[in-house]
């Protein structure tokens, strides 16, 4: 009897782990094909990977793009035949217990050198879609003081403007 219970537990755990790996593989495919669609300037394929209410946060402090705004901003880049080229060199994926949402972080090889992407995906009608994506430029700790000095004037002006709106 103990052996039957142990086998049942092992089978359940194995099935759960296999299902999570399968979901992670599907998410990897979505993210890789999303980045490839941008590199190939395939506008429809790129935005098909996002939810209708998807959000893209860019590297500029004011880049908080809702889906329709991001489409309008991006369209000229895609129309020129080259949007941007991001290649994941490291990625971590986490799937929620209900397996209908996931979150991830990734290091990217880009024209801006190493960047970090992170985000949230939702499963909609059995397909994983990017609901929220954050792109940031990775700055080595040794260079932070230099970077702060470079952006200080613009950041101070923006901070004053934002604080006035509160």
Protein backbone atom coordinates (compact mmCIF):
# COMPACT_ATOMS: atom_id res chain seq x y z
CA UNK A 1 0.00 0.00 0.00
CA UNK A 2 2.82 2.41 0.89
CA UNK A 3 4.46 1.72 -2.46
CA UNK A 4 1.24 2.53 -4.35
CA UNK A 5 0.88 5.85 -2.53
CA UNK A 6 4.53 6.70 -3.18
CA UNK A 7 4.16 5.87 -6.88
CA UNK A 8 0.99 7.97 -7.10
CA UNK A 9 2.73 10.94 -5.44
CA UNK A 10 5.76 10.61 -7.75
CA UNK A 11 3.54 10.44 -10.82
CA UNK A 12 1.61 13.53 -9.73
CA UNK A 13 4.79 15.50 -9.05
CA UNK A 14 6.33 14.37 -12.36
CA UNK A 15 3.21 15.36 -14.30
CA UNK A 16 3.17 18.78 -12.64
CA UNK A 17 6.86 19.40 -13.38
CA UNK A 18 6.44 18.21 -16.97
CA UNK A 19 3.45 20.52 -17.46
CA UNK A 20 5.42 23.47 -16.10
CA UNK A 21 8.37 22.69 -18.39
CA UNK A 22 6.01 22.47 -21.34
CA UNK A 23 4.51 25.85 -20.44
CA UNK A 24 7.99 27.33 -20.01
CA UNK A 25 8.94 26.01 -23.45
CA UNK A 26 5.84 27.63 -24.94
CA UNK A 27 6.66 30.93 -23.21
CA UNK A 28 10.26 30.77 -24.45
CA UNK A 29 8.92 30.28 -27.98
CA UNK A 30 6.57 33.26 -27.65
CA UNK A 31 9.32 35.56 -26.35
CA UNK A 32 11.89 34.40 -28.91
CA UNK A 33 9.42 34.77 -31.80
CA UNK A 34 8.35 38.20 -30.48
CA UNK A 35 11.95 39.42 -30.54
CA UNK A 36 12.47 37.81 -33.97
CA UNK A 37 9.35 39.54 -35.34
CA UNK A 38 10.84 42.91 -34.37
CA UNK A 39 14.19 42.04 -35.96
CA UNK A 40 12.36 41.00 -39.14
CA UNK A 41 10.07 44.05 -39.01
CA UNK A 42 6.97 41.83 -38.94
CA UNK A 43 4.51 44.25 -37.34
CA UNK A 44 1.52 41.88 -37.24
CA UNK A 45 3.48 38.96 -35.80
CA UNK A 46 5.04 41.24 -33.19
CA UNK A 47 1.80 42.72 -31.92
CA UNK A 48 -0.03 39.40 -32.19
CA UNK A 49 2.19 38.23 -29.32
CA UNK A 50 0.85 40.97 -27.03
CA UNK A 51 -2.50 41.29 -25.29
CA UNK A 52 -4.87 43.97 -26.57
CA UNK A 53 -4.26 45.96 -23.40
CA UNK A 54 -0.53 45.17 -23.37
CA UNK A 55 1.97 47.67 -21.97
CA UNK A 56 5.57 48.28 -23.07
CA UNK A 57 7.83 50.29 -20.78
CA UNK A 58 10.88 51.54 -22.65
CA UNK A 59 14.24 52.78 -21.46
CA UNK A 60 13.17 56.45 -21.35
CA UNK A 61 11.41 57.46 -18.14
CA UNK A 62 8.38 58.67 -20.11
CA UNK A 63 8.01 55.55 -22.26
CA UNK A 64 4.92 53.96 -20.78
CA UNK A 65 3.30 52.73 -23.95
CA UNK A 66 -0.22 51.34 -23.93
CA UNK A 67 -0.77 48.94 -26.82
CA UNK A 68 -2.42 51.35 -29.29
CA UNK A 69 0.14 54.07 -28.57
CA UNK A 70 3.00 51.59 -28.89
CA UNK A 71 1.64 50.39 -32.23
CA UNK A 72 1.51 53.96 -33.55
CA UNK A 73 5.00 54.75 -32.24
CA UNK A 74 6.49 51.53 -33.62
CA UNK A 75 4.82 51.43 -37.03
CA UNK A 76 7.35 53.71 -38.81
CA UNK A 77 10.24 51.57 -37.56
CA UNK A 78 8.59 48.39 -38.82
CA UNK A 79 7.68 50.09 -42.12
CA UNK A 80 11.37 50.91 -42.71
CA UNK A 81 12.10 47.18 -42.66
CA UNK A 82 14.05 47.10 -39.39
CA UNK A 83 12.56 47.72 -36.00
CA UNK A 84 15.02 46.56 -33.31
CA UNK A 85 17.00 43.44 -32.68
CA UNK A 86 17.01 41.86 -29.23
CA UNK A 87 18.47 38.41 -28.62
CA UNK A 88 17.95 36.75 -25.26
CA UNK A 89 21.19 35.41 -23.81
CA UNK A 90 19.70 34.42 -20.47
CA UNK A 91 16.10 34.01 -19.35
CA UNK A 92 14.24 32.96 -16.21
CA UNK A 93 10.56 32.02 -16.43
CA UNK A 94 8.14 31.51 -13.56
CA UNK A 95 4.65 30.05 -14.06
CA UNK A 96 1.85 30.79 -11.60
CA UNK A 97 0.14 27.90 -9.85
CA UNK A 98 -3.00 28.31 -11.95
CA UNK A 99 -0.82 28.15 -15.12
CA UNK A 100 -2.71 31.08 -16.67
CA UNK A 101 -0.08 33.73 -15.97
CA UNK A 102 3.70 33.80 -15.89
CA UNK A 103 6.48 36.30 -15.32
CA UNK A 104 10.04 36.38 -16.57
CA UNK A 105 13.29 38.28 -16.72
CA UNK A 106 15.88 38.14 -19.45
CA UNK A 107 19.26 39.56 -20.37
CA UNK A 108 19.37 40.75 -23.96
CA UNK A 109 22.06 41.40 -26.54
CA UNK A 110 20.86 44.61 -28.25
CA UNK A 111 22.14 47.61 -30.21
CA UNK A 112 22.29 49.30 -26.77
CA UNK A 113 24.53 46.44 -25.59
CA UNK A 114 23.27 44.43 -22.59
CA UNK A 115 19.71 45.26 -21.61
CA UNK A 116 17.27 43.61 -19.25
CA UNK A 117 13.74 42.73 -20.20
CA UNK A 118 11.12 41.59 -17.76
CA UNK A 119 7.43 41.10 -17.96
CA UNK A 120 4.19 39.26 -17.45
CA UNK A 121 2.35 36.91 -19.77
CA UNK A 122 -1.29 35.83 -19.65
CA UNK A 123 -2.74 32.72 -21.20
CA UNK A 124 -5.66 33.76 -23.40
CA UNK A 125 -7.66 31.09 -25.22
CA UNK A 126 -4.82 28.63 -24.64
CA UNK A 127 -2.12 30.94 -26.01
CA UNK A 128 0.51 32.87 -24.07
CA UNK A 129 0.44 36.63 -24.70
CA UNK A 130 2.73 39.36 -23.39
CA UNK A 131 0.68 41.65 -21.15
CA UNK A 132 3.47 43.80 -19.73
CA UNK A 133 7.09 44.26 -20.80
CA UNK A 134 9.81 46.38 -19.24
CA UNK A 135 13.04 47.14 -21.08
CA UNK A 136 15.95 48.65 -19.18
CA UNK A 137 19.55 49.34 -20.01
CA UNK A 138 21.84 47.35 -17.74
CA UNK A 139 24.43 49.63 -16.15
CA UNK A 140 27.45 48.20 -14.35
CA UNK A 141 27.55 49.43 -10.75
CA UNK A 142 30.99 50.94 -11.36
CA UNK A 143 29.45 53.24 -14.01
CA UNK A 144 26.34 54.40 -12.15
CA UNK A 145 27.88 57.65 -10.85
CA UNK A 146 29.02 58.57 -14.37
CA UNK A 147 25.58 57.78 -15.79
CA UNK A 148 23.81 59.81 -13.09
CA UNK A 149 26.00 62.78 -13.98
CA UNK A 150 25.15 62.40 -17.69
CA UNK A 151 21.41 62.35 -17.09
CA UNK A 152 21.16 64.59 -14.03
CA UNK A 153 20.02 67.77 -15.78
CA UNK A 154 17.25 66.12 -17.78
CA UNK A 155 16.14 63.98 -14.83
CA UNK A 156 15.94 66.99 -12.50
CA UNK A 157 13.77 68.88 -15.01
CA UNK A 158 11.51 65.86 -15.50
CA UNK A 159 11.23 65.26 -11.75
CA UNK A 160 10.15 68.87 -11.22
CA UNK A 161 7.54 68.55 -13.95
CA UNK A 162 6.20 65.26 -12.57
CA UNK A 163 6.05 66.56 -8.99
CA UNK A 164 3.99 69.58 -10.15
CA UNK A 165 1.38 67.19 -11.57
CA UNK A 166 0.91 65.36 -8.26
